PDB file of N, CA and C in Angstrom:
ATOM      1  N   MET A   1       7.597 -33.942   4.620  1.00  0.00           N
ATOM      2  CA  MET A   1       7.948 -33.076   3.510  1.00  0.00           C
ATOM      3  C   MET A   1       8.210 -33.965   2.282  1.00  0.00           C
ATOM      4  N   ASP A   2       7.620 -33.592   1.170  1.00  0.00           N
ATOM      5  CA  ASP A   2       7.789 -34.402  -0.039  1.00  0.00           C
ATOM      6  C   ASP A   2       9.109 -34.070  -0.752  1.00  0.00           C
ATOM      7  N   ASP A   3       9.483 -34.926  -1.704  1.00  0.00           N
ATOM      8  CA  ASP A   3      10.753 -34.774  -2.420  1.00  0.00           C
ATOM      9  C   ASP A   3      10.833 -33.457  -3.183  1.00  0.00           C
ATOM     10  N   ARG A   4       9.710 -33.051  -3.757  1.00  0.00           N
ATOM     11  CA  ARG A   4       9.697 -31.802  -4.528  1.00  0.00           C
ATOM     12  C   ARG A   4      10.020 -30.607  -3.626  1.00  0.00           C
ATOM     13  N   ARG A   5       9.432 -30.589  -2.443  1.00  0.00           N
ATOM     14  CA  ARG A   5       9.676 -29.491  -1.486  1.00  0.00           C
ATOM     15  C   ARG A   5      11.121 -29.517  -0.996  1.00  0.00           C
ATOM     16  N   ARG A   6      11.636 -30.727  -0.742  1.00  0.00           N
ATOM     17  CA  ARG A   6      13.040 -30.856  -0.312  1.00  0.00           C
ATOM     18  C   ARG A   6      13.982 -30.313  -1.396  1.00  0.00           C
ATOM     19  N   PHE A   7      13.680 -30.647  -2.656  1.00  0.00           N
ATOM     20  CA  PHE A   7      14.494 -30.173  -3.773  1.00  0.00           C
ATOM     21  C   PHE A   7      14.432 -28.644  -3.857  1.00  0.00           C
ATOM     22  N   GLY A   8      13.230 -28.101  -3.726  1.00  0.00           N
ATOM     23  CA  GLY A   8      13.060 -26.645  -3.749  1.00  0.00           C
ATOM     24  C   GLY A   8      13.809 -25.966  -2.613  1.00  0.00           C
ATOM     25  N   ASN A   9      13.734 -26.547  -1.428  1.00  0.00           N
ATOM     26  CA  ASN A   9      14.443 -25.979  -0.275  1.00  0.00           C
ATOM     27  C   ASN A   9      15.955 -26.008  -0.484  1.00  0.00           C
ATOM     28  N   ALA A  10      16.464 -27.103  -1.094  1.00  0.00           N
ATOM     29  CA  ALA A  10      17.897 -27.191  -1.374  1.00  0.00           C
ATOM     30  C   ALA A  10      18.312 -26.088  -2.357  1.00  0.00           C
ATOM     31  N   GLY A  11      17.477 -25.844  -3.357  1.00  0.00           N
ATOM     32  CA  GLY A  11      17.758 -24.768  -4.306  1.00  0.00           C
ATOM     33  C   GLY A  11      17.751 -23.410  -3.632  1.00  0.00           C
ATOM     34  N   GLU A  12      16.784 -23.181  -2.757  1.00  0.00           N
ATOM     35  CA  GLU A  12      16.707 -21.898  -2.048  1.00  0.00           C
ATOM     36  C   GLU A  12      17.901 -21.707  -1.125  1.00  0.00           C
ATOM     37  N   GLN A  13      18.357 -22.776  -0.472  1.00  0.00           N
ATOM     38  CA  GLN A  13      19.534 -22.678   0.391  1.00  0.00           C
ATOM     39  C   GLN A  13      20.777 -22.321  -0.426  1.00  0.00           C
ATOM     40  N   LEU A  14      20.944 -22.993  -1.558  1.00  0.00           N
ATOM     41  CA  LEU A  14      22.077 -22.694  -2.442  1.00  0.00           C
ATOM     42  C   LEU A  14      21.987 -21.250  -2.949  1.00  0.00           C
ATOM     43  N   ALA A  15      20.788 -20.812  -3.291  1.00  0.00           N
ATOM     44  CA  ALA A  15      20.580 -19.435  -3.757  1.00  0.00           C
ATOM     45  C   ALA A  15      20.954 -18.436  -2.671  1.00  0.00           C
ATOM     46  N   ALA A  16      20.522 -18.696  -1.435  1.00  0.00           N
ATOM     47  CA  ALA A  16      20.837 -17.792  -0.322  1.00  0.00           C
ATOM     48  C   ALA A  16      22.349 -17.693  -0.116  1.00  0.00           C
ATOM     49  N   GLU A  17      23.028 -18.828  -0.172  1.00  0.00           N
ATOM     50  CA  GLU A  17      24.487 -18.823   0.001  1.00  0.00           C
ATOM     51  C   GLU A  17      25.161 -18.051  -1.140  1.00  0.00           C
ATOM     52  N   PHE A  18      24.677 -18.248  -2.360  1.00  0.00           N
ATOM     53  CA  PHE A  18      25.231 -17.532  -3.510  1.00  0.00           C
ATOM     54  C   PHE A  18      25.034 -16.023  -3.342  1.00  0.00           C
ATOM     55  N   LEU A  19      23.832 -15.614  -3.002  1.00  0.00           N
ATOM     56  CA  LEU A  19      23.554 -14.175  -2.856  1.00  0.00           C
ATOM     57  C   LEU A  19      24.397 -13.557  -1.746  1.00  0.00           C
ATOM     58  N   GLN A  20      24.550 -14.279  -0.644  1.00  0.00           N
ATOM     59  CA  GLN A  20      25.390 -13.770   0.443  1.00  0.00           C
ATOM     60  C   GLN A  20      26.834 -13.619  -0.021  1.00  0.00           C
ATOM     61  N   SER A  21      27.307 -14.546  -0.859  1.00  0.00           N
ATOM     62  CA  SER A  21      28.678 -14.448  -1.376  1.00  0.00           C
ATOM     63  C   SER A  21      28.835 -13.242  -2.313  1.00  0.00           C
ATOM     64  N   GLN A  22      27.703 -12.752  -2.845  1.00  0.00           N
ATOM     65  CA  GLN A  22      27.710 -11.583  -3.720  1.00  0.00           C
ATOM     66  C   GLN A  22      27.481 -10.278  -2.944  1.00  0.00           C
ATOM     67  N   GLY A  23      27.387 -10.372  -1.606  1.00  0.00           N
ATOM     68  CA  GLY A  23      27.258  -9.184  -0.769  1.00  0.00           C
ATOM     69  C   GLY A  23      25.839  -8.824  -0.367  1.00  0.00           C
ATOM     70  N   LEU A  24      24.853  -9.623  -0.759  1.00  0.00           N
ATOM     71  CA  LEU A  24      23.472  -9.352  -0.342  1.00  0.00           C
ATOM     72  C   LEU A  24      23.232  -9.960   1.031  1.00  0.00           C
ATOM     73  N   ARG A  25      22.304  -9.384   1.760  1.00  0.00           N
ATOM     74  CA  ARG A  25      21.934  -9.904   3.075  1.00  0.00           C
ATOM     75  C   ARG A  25      20.526 -10.481   2.975  1.00  0.00           C
ATOM     76  N   VAL A  26      20.375 -11.751   3.310  1.00  0.00           N
ATOM     77  CA  VAL A  26      19.064 -12.394   3.286  1.00  0.00           C
ATOM     78  C   VAL A  26      18.307 -11.976   4.543  1.00  0.00           C
ATOM     79  N   ILE A  27      17.102 -11.383   4.346  1.00  0.00           N
ATOM     80  CA  ILE A  27      16.325 -10.931   5.497  1.00  0.00           C
ATOM     81  C   ILE A  27      15.042 -11.730   5.704  1.00  0.00           C
ATOM     82  N   GLU A  28      14.574 -12.433   4.681  1.00  0.00           N
ATOM     83  CA  GLU A  28      13.384 -13.292   4.806  1.00  0.00           C
ATOM     84  C   GLU A  28      13.542 -14.487   3.876  1.00  0.00           C
ATOM     85  N   ARG A  29      13.023 -15.630   4.316  1.00  0.00           N
ATOM     86  CA  ARG A  29      12.967 -16.837   3.482  1.00  0.00           C
ATOM     87  C   ARG A  29      11.532 -17.326   3.455  1.00  0.00           C
ATOM     88  N   GLN A  30      11.079 -17.711   2.275  1.00  0.00           N
ATOM     89  CA  GLN A  30       9.726 -18.233   2.083  1.00  0.00           C
ATOM     90  C   GLN A  30       8.681 -17.330   2.758  1.00  0.00           C
ATOM     91  N   TYR A  31       8.721 -16.063   2.379  1.00  0.00           N
ATOM     92  CA  TYR A  31       7.783 -15.064   2.908  1.00  0.00           C
ATOM     93  C   TYR A  31       6.421 -15.304   2.269  1.00  0.00           C
ATOM     94  N   LYS A  32       5.437 -15.663   3.094  1.00  0.00           N
ATOM     95  CA  LYS A  32       4.128 -16.073   2.581  1.00  0.00           C
ATOM     96  C   LYS A  32       3.029 -15.079   2.935  1.00  0.00           C
ATOM     97  N   LYS A  33       2.145 -14.920   1.986  1.00  0.00           N
ATOM     98  CA  LYS A  33       0.877 -14.216   2.167  1.00  0.00           C
ATOM     99  C   LYS A  33      -0.187 -15.123   1.567  1.00  0.00           C
ATOM    100  N   THR A  34      -1.448 -14.839   1.816  1.00  0.00           N
ATOM    101  CA  THR A  34      -2.512 -15.703   1.300  1.00  0.00           C
ATOM    102  C   THR A  34      -2.504 -15.779  -0.225  1.00  0.00           C
ATOM    103  N   PHE A  35      -1.984 -14.759  -0.880  1.00  0.00           N
ATOM    104  CA  PHE A  35      -2.016 -14.703  -2.343  1.00  0.00           C
ATOM    105  C   PHE A  35      -0.676 -15.019  -2.994  1.00  0.00           C
ATOM    106  N   GLY A  36       0.291 -15.530  -2.236  1.00  0.00           N
ATOM    107  CA  GLY A  36       1.554 -15.898  -2.856  1.00  0.00           C
ATOM    108  C   GLY A  36       2.705 -15.976  -1.880  1.00  0.00           C
ATOM    109  N   GLU A  37       3.859 -16.314  -2.423  1.00  0.00           N
ATOM    110  CA  GLU A  37       5.083 -16.459  -1.630  1.00  0.00           C
ATOM    111  C   GLU A  37       6.258 -15.895  -2.417  1.00  0.00           C
ATOM    112  N   ILE A  38       7.205 -15.331  -1.687  1.00  0.00           N
ATOM    113  CA  ILE A  38       8.473 -14.914  -2.273  1.00  0.00           C
ATOM    114  C   ILE A  38       9.544 -15.779  -1.624  1.00  0.00           C
ATOM    115  N   ASP A  39      10.378 -16.383  -2.455  1.00  0.00           N
ATOM    116  CA  ASP A  39      11.368 -17.327  -1.946  1.00  0.00           C
ATOM    117  C   ASP A  39      12.361 -16.674  -0.998  1.00  0.00           C
ATOM    118  N   LEU A  40      12.973 -15.585  -1.441  1.00  0.00           N
ATOM    119  CA  LEU A  40      13.962 -14.880  -0.624  1.00  0.00           C
ATOM    120  C   LEU A  40      13.741 -13.382  -0.748  1.00  0.00           C
ATOM    121  N   ILE A  41      13.896 -12.690   0.363  1.00  0.00           N
ATOM    122  CA  ILE A  41      13.913 -11.231   0.340  1.00  0.00           C
ATOM    123  C   ILE A  41      15.271 -10.824   0.896  1.00  0.00           C
ATOM    124  N   CYS A  42      15.973 -10.000   0.130  1.00  0.00           N
ATOM    125  CA  CYS A  42      17.338  -9.627   0.487  1.00  0.00           C
ATOM    126  C   CYS A  42      17.490  -8.109   0.521  1.00  0.00           C
ATOM    127  N   GLN A  43      18.591  -7.688   1.091  1.00  0.00           N
ATOM    128  CA  GLN A  43      18.978  -6.285   1.097  1.00  0.00           C
ATOM    129  C   GLN A  43      20.266  -6.188   0.300  1.00  0.00           C
ATOM    130  N   ASP A  44      20.290  -5.285  -0.685  1.00  0.00           N
ATOM    131  CA  ASP A  44      21.487  -5.026  -1.492  1.00  0.00           C
ATOM    132  C   ASP A  44      21.760  -3.539  -1.383  1.00  0.00           C
ATOM    133  N   GLY A  45      22.583  -3.159  -0.431  1.00  0.00           N
ATOM    134  CA  GLY A  45      22.768  -1.739  -0.128  1.00  0.00           C
ATOM    135  C   GLY A  45      21.464  -1.215   0.439  1.00  0.00           C
ATOM    136  N   ASP A  46      20.921  -0.164  -0.187  1.00  0.00           N
ATOM    137  CA  ASP A  46      19.640   0.382   0.289  1.00  0.00           C
ATOM    138  C   ASP A  46      18.454  -0.195  -0.486  1.00  0.00           C
ATOM    139  N   GLU A  47      18.704  -1.159  -1.378  1.00  0.00           N
ATOM    140  CA  GLU A  47      17.659  -1.715  -2.234  1.00  0.00           C
ATOM    141  C   GLU A  47      17.118  -3.034  -1.665  1.00  0.00           C
ATOM    142  N   VAL A  48      15.796  -3.166  -1.675  1.00  0.00           N
ATOM    143  CA  VAL A  48      15.158  -4.419  -1.286  1.00  0.00           C
ATOM    144  C   VAL A  48      15.075  -5.289  -2.538  1.00  0.00           C
ATOM    145  N   VAL A  49      15.482  -6.552  -2.416  1.00  0.00           N
ATOM    146  CA  VAL A  49      15.520  -7.455  -3.563  1.00  0.00           C
ATOM    147  C   VAL A  49      14.605  -8.648  -3.289  1.00  0.00           C
ATOM    148  N   PHE A  50      13.607  -8.818  -4.141  1.00  0.00           N
ATOM    149  CA  PHE A  50      12.685  -9.952  -4.049  1.00  0.00           C
ATOM    150  C   PHE A  50      13.197 -10.996  -5.034  1.00  0.00           C
ATOM    151  N   VAL A  51      13.503 -12.186  -4.532  1.00  0.00           N
ATOM    152  CA  VAL A  51      14.175 -13.198  -5.341  1.00  0.00           C
ATOM    153  C   VAL A  51      13.279 -14.409  -5.554  1.00  0.00           C
ATOM    154  N   GLU A  52      13.093 -14.750  -6.815  1.00  0.00           N
ATOM    155  CA  GLU A  52      12.402 -15.981  -7.200  1.00  0.00           C
ATOM    156  C   GLU A  52      13.477 -16.994  -7.563  1.00  0.00           C
ATOM    157  N   VAL A  53      13.460 -18.140  -6.882  1.00  0.00           N
ATOM    158  CA  VAL A  53      14.443 -19.194  -7.121  1.00  0.00           C
ATOM    159  C   VAL A  53      13.770 -20.309  -7.912  1.00  0.00           C
ATOM    160  N   LYS A  54      14.371 -20.684  -9.027  1.00  0.00           N
ATOM    161  CA  LYS A  54      13.858 -21.778  -9.848  1.00  0.00           C
ATOM    162  C   LYS A  54      14.979 -22.787 -10.053  1.00  0.00           C
ATOM    163  N   SER A  55      14.725 -24.026  -9.658  1.00  0.00           N
ATOM    164  CA  SER A  55      15.718 -25.093  -9.766  1.00  0.00           C
ATOM    165  C   SER A  55      15.196 -26.187 -10.684  1.00  0.00           C
ATOM    166  N   ARG A  56      16.110 -26.796 -11.420  1.00  0.00           N
ATOM    167  CA  ARG A  56      15.754 -27.907 -12.307  1.00  0.00           C
ATOM    168  C   ARG A  56      16.839 -28.976 -12.235  1.00  0.00           C
ATOM    169  N   SER A  57      16.404 -30.220 -12.266  1.00  0.00           N
ATOM    170  CA  SER A  57      17.358 -31.331 -12.326  1.00  0.00           C
ATOM    171  C   SER A  57      17.464 -31.861 -13.756  1.00  0.00           C
ATOM    172  N   THR A  58      16.505 -31.513 -14.614  1.00  0.00           N
ATOM    173  CA  THR A  58      16.551 -31.869 -16.037  1.00  0.00           C
ATOM    174  C   THR A  58      15.993 -30.691 -16.834  1.00  0.00           C
ATOM    175  N   PHE A  59      16.182 -30.753 -18.138  1.00  0.00           N
ATOM    176  CA  PHE A  59      15.628 -29.719 -19.016  1.00  0.00           C
ATOM    177  C   PHE A  59      14.334 -30.187 -19.675  1.00  0.00           C
ATOM    178  N   ALA A  60      13.726 -31.251 -19.156  1.00  0.00           N
ATOM    179  CA  ALA A  60      12.504 -31.807 -19.755  1.00  0.00           C
ATOM    180  C   ALA A  60      11.395 -30.756 -19.865  1.00  0.00           C
ATOM    181  N   PHE A  61      11.369 -29.817 -18.925  1.00  0.00           N
ATOM    182  CA  PHE A  61      10.339 -28.770 -18.939  1.00  0.00           C
ATOM    183  C   PHE A  61      10.939 -27.398 -19.209  1.00  0.00           C
ATOM    184  N   GLY A  62      12.117 -27.375 -19.838  1.00  0.00           N
ATOM    185  CA  GLY A  62      12.764 -26.110 -20.174  1.00  0.00           C
ATOM    186  C   GLY A  62      13.775 -25.688 -19.123  1.00  0.00           C
ATOM    187  N   TYR A  63      14.324 -24.532 -19.338  1.00  0.00           N
ATOM    188  CA  TYR A  63      15.287 -23.968 -18.393  1.00  0.00           C
ATOM    189  C   TYR A  63      14.542 -23.447 -17.168  1.00  0.00           C
ATOM    190  N   PRO A  64      15.213 -23.380 -16.028  1.00  0.00           N
ATOM    191  CA  PRO A  64      14.520 -22.942 -14.810  1.00  0.00           C
ATOM    192  C   PRO A  64      13.832 -21.583 -14.957  1.00  0.00           C
ATOM    193  N   GLU A  65      14.519 -20.636 -15.573  1.00  0.00           N
ATOM    194  CA  GLU A  65      13.975 -19.283 -15.688  1.00  0.00           C
ATOM    195  C   GLU A  65      12.749 -19.212 -16.593  1.00  0.00           C
ATOM    196  N   ASP A  66      12.558 -20.223 -17.437  1.00  0.00           N
ATOM    197  CA  ASP A  66      11.379 -20.245 -18.317  1.00  0.00           C
ATOM    198  C   ASP A  66      10.075 -20.328 -17.537  1.00  0.00           C
ATOM    199  N   SER A  67      10.147 -20.804 -16.304  1.00  0.00           N
ATOM    200  CA  SER A  67       8.912 -20.963 -15.516  1.00  0.00           C
ATOM    201  C   SER A  67       8.509 -19.688 -14.771  1.00  0.00           C
ATOM    202  N   VAL A  68       9.256 -18.607 -14.962  1.00  0.00           N
ATOM    203  CA  VAL A  68       8.856 -17.320 -14.379  1.00  0.00           C
ATOM    204  C   VAL A  68       7.950 -16.636 -15.400  1.00  0.00           C
ATOM    205  N   THR A  69       6.685 -16.969 -15.304  1.00  0.00           N
ATOM    206  CA  THR A  69       5.670 -16.520 -16.256  1.00  0.00           C
ATOM    207  C   THR A  69       5.111 -15.150 -15.858  1.00  0.00           C
ATOM    208  N   PRO A  70       4.382 -14.511 -16.762  1.00  0.00           N
ATOM    209  CA  PRO A  70       3.718 -13.253 -16.391  1.00  0.00           C
ATOM    210  C   PRO A  70       2.819 -13.416 -15.155  1.00  0.00           C
ATOM    211  N   GLN A  71       2.125 -14.525 -15.056  1.00  0.00           N
ATOM    212  CA  GLN A  71       1.282 -14.755 -13.875  1.00  0.00           C
ATOM    213  C   GLN A  71       2.134 -14.830 -12.608  1.00  0.00           C
ATOM    214  N   LYS A  72       3.289 -15.496 -12.670  1.00  0.00           N
ATOM    215  CA  LYS A  72       4.182 -15.586 -11.520  1.00  0.00           C
ATOM    216  C   LYS A  72       4.692 -14.199 -11.149  1.00  0.00           C
ATOM    217  N   ILE A  73       5.025 -13.389 -12.139  1.00  0.00           N
ATOM    218  CA  ILE A  73       5.506 -12.028 -11.868  1.00  0.00           C
ATOM    219  C   ILE A  73       4.415 -11.220 -11.163  1.00  0.00           C
ATOM    220  N   ARG A  74       3.168 -11.368 -11.599  1.00  0.00           N
ATOM    221  CA  ARG A  74       2.051 -10.668 -10.932  1.00  0.00           C
ATOM    222  C   ARG A  74       1.963 -11.056  -9.463  1.00  0.00           C
ATOM    223  N   HIS A  75       2.100 -12.344  -9.169  1.00  0.00           N
ATOM    224  CA  HIS A  75       2.041 -12.807  -7.776  1.00  0.00           C
ATOM    225  C   HIS A  75       3.195 -12.219  -6.957  1.00  0.00           C
ATOM    226  N   ILE A  76       4.392 -12.238  -7.534  1.00  0.00           N
ATOM    227  CA  ILE A  76       5.554 -11.683  -6.838  1.00  0.00           C
ATOM    228  C   ILE A  76       5.333 -10.201  -6.547  1.00  0.00           C
ATOM    229  N   LEU A  77       4.851  -9.466  -7.536  1.00  0.00           N
ATOM    230  CA  LEU A  77       4.602  -8.032  -7.344  1.00  0.00           C
ATOM    231  C   LEU A  77       3.607  -7.777  -6.224  1.00  0.00           C
ATOM    232  N   ARG A  78       2.550  -8.550  -6.212  1.00  0.00           N
ATOM    233  CA  ARG A  78       1.518  -8.371  -5.192  1.00  0.00           C
ATOM    234  C   ARG A  78       2.071  -8.616  -3.785  1.00  0.00           C
ATOM    235  N   VAL A  79       2.826  -9.700  -3.637  1.00  0.00           N
ATOM    236  CA  VAL A  79       3.416 -10.005  -2.333  1.00  0.00           C
ATOM    237  C   VAL A  79       4.482  -8.962  -1.981  1.00  0.00           C
ATOM    238  N   ALA A  80       5.285  -8.554  -2.961  1.00  0.00           N
ATOM    239  CA  ALA A  80       6.332  -7.558  -2.721  1.00  0.00           C
ATOM    240  C   ALA A  80       5.732  -6.235  -2.251  1.00  0.00           C
ATOM    241  N   GLN A  81       4.673  -5.802  -2.912  1.00  0.00           N
ATOM    242  CA  GLN A  81       4.032  -4.546  -2.508  1.00  0.00           C
ATOM    243  C   GLN A  81       3.485  -4.651  -1.091  1.00  0.00           C
ATOM    244  N   GLY A  82       2.894  -5.793  -0.762  1.00  0.00           N
ATOM    245  CA  GLY A  82       2.404  -6.006   0.601  1.00  0.00           C
ATOM    246  C   GLY A  82       3.525  -5.972   1.615  1.00  0.00           C
ATOM    247  N   TYR A  83       4.640  -6.594   1.281  1.00  0.00           N
ATOM    248  CA  TYR A  83       5.796  -6.612   2.178  1.00  0.00           C
ATOM    249  C   TYR A  83       6.314  -5.200   2.424  1.00  0.00           C
ATOM    250  N   LEU A  84       6.475  -4.438   1.341  1.00  0.00           N
ATOM    251  CA  LEU A  84       7.000  -3.080   1.465  1.00  0.00           C
ATOM    252  C   LEU A  84       6.096  -2.204   2.330  1.00  0.00           C
ATOM    253  N   LEU A  85       4.786  -2.350   2.168  1.00  0.00           N
ATOM    254  CA  LEU A  85       3.852  -1.580   2.990  1.00  0.00           C
ATOM    255  C   LEU A  85       3.879  -2.052   4.444  1.00  0.00           C
ATOM    256  N   GLU A  86       3.844  -3.359   4.625  1.00  0.00           N
ATOM    257  CA  GLU A  86       3.815  -3.930   5.976  1.00  0.00           C
ATOM    258  C   GLU A  86       5.055  -3.562   6.786  1.00  0.00           C
ATOM    259  N   THR A  87       6.209  -3.518   6.116  1.00  0.00           N
ATOM    260  CA  THR A  87       7.464  -3.232   6.817  1.00  0.00           C
ATOM    261  C   THR A  87       7.849  -1.749   6.750  1.00  0.00           C
ATOM    262  N   LYS A  88       6.936  -0.942   6.228  1.00  0.00           N
ATOM    263  CA  LYS A  88       7.156   0.505   6.111  1.00  0.00           C
ATOM    264  C   LYS A  88       8.437   0.831   5.326  1.00  0.00           C
ATOM    265  N   GLN A  89       8.640   0.088   4.236  1.00  0.00           N
ATOM    266  CA  GLN A  89       9.808   0.305   3.385  1.00  0.00           C
ATOM    267  C   GLN A  89       9.416   0.712   1.965  1.00  0.00           C
ATOM    268  N   ALA A  90       8.170   1.148   1.800  1.00  0.00           N
ATOM    269  CA  ALA A  90       7.680   1.493   0.461  1.00  0.00           C
ATOM    270  C   ALA A  90       8.488   2.627  -0.171  1.00  0.00           C
ATOM    271  N   HIS A  91       9.194   3.398   0.623  1.00  0.00           N
ATOM    272  CA  HIS A  91       9.994   4.509   0.112  1.00  0.00           C
ATOM    273  C   HIS A  91      11.348   4.045  -0.454  1.00  0.00           C
ATOM    274  N   LEU A  92      11.728   2.795  -0.182  1.00  0.00           N
ATOM    275  CA  LEU A  92      13.029   2.300  -0.623  1.00  0.00           C
ATOM    276  C   LEU A  92      12.976   1.790  -2.068  1.00  0.00           C
ATOM    277  N   PRO A  93      14.119   1.870  -2.755  1.00  0.00           N
ATOM    278  CA  PRO A  93      14.169   1.253  -4.084  1.00  0.00           C
ATOM    279  C   PRO A  93      14.097  -0.263  -3.937  1.00  0.00           C
ATOM    280  N   TRP A  94      13.547  -0.925  -4.961  1.00  0.00           N
ATOM    281  CA  TRP A  94      13.432  -2.377  -4.911  1.00  0.00           C
ATOM    282  C   TRP A  94      13.517  -2.939  -6.317  1.00  0.00           C
ATOM    283  N   ARG A  95      13.738  -4.255  -6.387  1.00  0.00           N
ATOM    284  CA  ARG A  95      13.791  -4.934  -7.674  1.00  0.00           C
ATOM    285  C   ARG A  95      13.411  -6.400  -7.475  1.00  0.00           C
ATOM    286  N   ILE A  96      13.169  -7.059  -8.593  1.00  0.00           N
ATOM    287  CA  ILE A  96      12.915  -8.492  -8.579  1.00  0.00           C
ATOM    288  C   ILE A  96      14.036  -9.175  -9.354  1.00  0.00           C
ATOM    289  N   ASP A  97      14.667 -10.160  -8.718  1.00  0.00           N
ATOM    290  CA  ASP A  97      15.710 -10.959  -9.351  1.00  0.00           C
ATOM    291  C   ASP A  97      15.221 -12.392  -9.482  1.00  0.00           C
ATOM    292  N   VAL A  98      15.789 -13.113 -10.424  1.00  0.00           N
ATOM    293  CA  VAL A  98      15.535 -14.544 -10.570  1.00  0.00           C
ATOM    294  C   VAL A  98      16.871 -15.267 -10.468  1.00  0.00           C
ATOM    295  N   LEU A  99      16.908 -16.311  -9.655  1.00  0.00           N
ATOM    296  CA  LEU A  99      18.064 -17.191  -9.599  1.00  0.00           C
ATOM    297  C   LEU A  99      17.658 -18.523 -10.198  1.00  0.00           C
ATOM    298  N   ALA A 100      18.268 -18.868 -11.322  1.00  0.00           N
ATOM    299  CA  ALA A 100      17.991 -20.132 -12.011  1.00  0.00           C
ATOM    300  C   ALA A 100      19.129 -21.090 -11.683  1.00  0.00           C
ATOM    301  N   ILE A 101      18.776 -22.256 -11.134  1.00  0.00           N
ATOM    302  CA  ILE A 101      19.790 -23.230 -10.714  1.00  0.00           C
ATOM    303  C   ILE A 101      19.592 -24.521 -11.501  1.00  0.00           C
ATOM    304  N   GLU A 102      20.650 -24.947 -12.149  1.00  0.00           N
ATOM    305  CA  GLU A 102      20.629 -26.187 -12.933  1.00  0.00           C
ATOM    306  C   GLU A 102      21.480 -27.224 -12.203  1.00  0.00           C
ATOM    307  N   PHE A 103      20.820 -28.295 -11.753  1.00  0.00           N
ATOM    308  CA  PHE A 103      21.492 -29.334 -10.991  1.00  0.00           C
ATOM    309  C   PHE A 103      21.985 -30.494 -11.854  1.00  0.00           C
ATOM    310  N   GLN A 104      22.110 -30.317 -13.178  1.00  0.00           N
ATOM    311  CA  GLN A 104      22.535 -31.406 -14.046  1.00  0.00           C
ATOM    312  C   GLN A 104      24.017 -31.738 -13.889  1.00  0.00           C
ATOM    313  N   GLU A 105      24.775 -30.797 -13.395  1.00  0.00           N
ATOM    314  CA  GLU A 105      26.213 -31.010 -13.255  1.00  0.00           C
ATOM    315  C   GLU A 105      26.665 -30.598 -11.871  1.00  0.00           C
ATOM    316  N   ALA A 106      27.889 -30.984 -11.520  1.00  0.00           N
ATOM    317  CA  ALA A 106      28.434 -30.601 -10.223  1.00  0.00           C
ATOM    318  C   ALA A 106      29.648 -29.720 -10.471  1.00  0.00           C
ATOM    319  N   PRO A 107      29.740 -28.584  -9.852  1.00  0.00           N
ATOM    320  CA  PRO A 107      28.695 -27.991  -9.006  1.00  0.00           C
ATOM    321  C   PRO A 107      27.532 -27.478  -9.851  1.00  0.00           C
ATOM    322  N   PRO A 108      26.394 -27.250  -9.214  1.00  0.00           N
ATOM    323  CA  PRO A 108      25.235 -26.734  -9.968  1.00  0.00           C
ATOM    324  C   PRO A 108      25.553 -25.391 -10.623  1.00  0.00           C
ATOM    325  N   LYS A 109      24.948 -25.159 -11.763  1.00  0.00           N
ATOM    326  CA  LYS A 109      25.130 -23.889 -12.478  1.00  0.00           C
ATOM    327  C   LYS A 109      24.074 -22.903 -11.977  1.00  0.00           C
ATOM    328  N   ILE A 110      24.520 -21.716 -11.580  1.00  0.00           N
ATOM    329  CA  ILE A 110      23.624 -20.675 -11.075  1.00  0.00           C
ATOM    330  C   ILE A 110      23.656 -19.494 -12.040  1.00  0.00           C
ATOM    331  N   THR A 111      22.476 -19.091 -12.491  1.00  0.00           N
ATOM    332  CA  THR A 111      22.351 -17.894 -13.328  1.00  0.00           C
ATOM    333  C   THR A 111      21.553 -16.868 -12.540  1.00  0.00           C
ATOM    334  N   HIS A 112      22.144 -15.696 -12.324  1.00  0.00           N
ATOM    335  CA  HIS A 112      21.500 -14.627 -11.563  1.00  0.00           C
ATOM    336  C   HIS A 112      21.010 -13.563 -12.538  1.00  0.00           C
ATOM    337  N   ILE A 113      19.702 -13.458 -12.662  1.00  0.00           N
ATOM    338  CA  ILE A 113      19.101 -12.458 -13.540  1.00  0.00           C
ATOM    339  C   ILE A 113      18.613 -11.323 -12.644  1.00  0.00           C
ATOM    340  N   LYS A 114      19.309 -10.204 -12.720  1.00  0.00           N
ATOM    341  CA  LYS A 114      18.996  -9.074 -11.849  1.00  0.00           C
ATOM    342  C   LYS A 114      17.959  -8.164 -12.482  1.00  0.00           C
ATOM    343  N   ASN A 115      17.071  -7.662 -11.633  1.00  0.00           N
ATOM    344  CA  ASN A 115      16.129  -6.619 -12.027  1.00  0.00           C
ATOM    345  C   ASN A 115      15.361  -7.000 -13.292  1.00  0.00           C
ATOM    346  N   ILE A 116      14.586  -8.063 -13.212  1.00  0.00           N
ATOM    347  CA  ILE A 116      13.854  -8.538 -14.386  1.00  0.00           C
ATOM    348  C   ILE A 116      12.908  -7.454 -14.894  1.00  0.00           C
ATOM    349  N   ASP A 117      12.641  -7.516 -16.170  1.00  0.00           N
ATOM    350  CA  ASP A 117      11.699  -6.580 -16.785  1.00  0.00           C
ATOM    351  C   ASP A 117      10.284  -6.910 -16.319  1.00  0.00           C
ATOM    352  N   ILE A 118       9.572  -5.897 -15.915  1.00  0.00           N
ATOM    353  CA  ILE A 118       8.178  -6.056 -15.502  1.00  0.00           C
ATOM    354  C   ILE A 118       7.319  -5.305 -16.507  1.00  0.00           C
ATOM    355  N   PRO A 119       6.473  -6.013 -17.227  1.00  0.00           N
ATOM    356  CA  PRO A 119       5.630  -5.335 -18.225  1.00  0.00           C
ATOM    357  C   PRO A 119       4.817  -4.198 -17.606  1.00  0.00           C
ATOM    358  N   GLU A 120       4.764  -3.104 -18.313  1.00  0.00           N
ATOM    359  CA  GLU A 120       4.052  -1.900 -17.845  1.00  0.00           C
ATOM    360  C   GLU A 120       2.621  -2.184 -17.427  1.00  0.00           C
ATOM    361  N   ARG A 121       1.947  -3.088 -18.141  1.00  0.00           N
ATOM    362  CA  ARG A 121       0.542  -3.361 -17.840  1.00  0.00           C
ATOM    363  C   ARG A 121       0.328  -4.014 -16.467  1.00  0.00           C
ATOM    364  N   PHE A 122       1.417  -4.478 -15.830  1.00  0.00           N
ATOM    365  CA  PHE A 122       1.291  -5.096 -14.513  1.00  0.00           C
ATOM    366  C   PHE A 122       1.103  -4.050 -13.417  1.00  0.00           C
ATOM    367  N   TRP A 123       1.334  -2.797 -13.751  1.00  0.00           N
ATOM    368  CA  TRP A 123       1.234  -1.734 -12.745  1.00  0.00           C
ATOM    369  C   TRP A 123      -0.129  -1.182 -12.778  1.00  0.00           C
TER     370      TRP A 123
END
């Protein structure tokens, strides 16, 4: 496993612990399909939450959440829709959250962006 993957996994672990402390239940980690991956899938009451985790050790390439591009949102939507159909949960409410983790300080700073805006044209 390369350093980049180890760093990403550490961010996802921290994100999972944070979400659990907020009352969410993690039901899938690194859920993969041929056309994409969702970092974490959680349950928040009756709502399914698809979580994109972005971690940064420096701001050289911007803030972590800046890397959640329209193309990334399209991939998340595609995988999320597949998950909901595959698990027969398409009738449940769902949302996409972003967890931005900044490792520049200790403890790391976590920003939880709930229910990100999805441009209408993506539907």
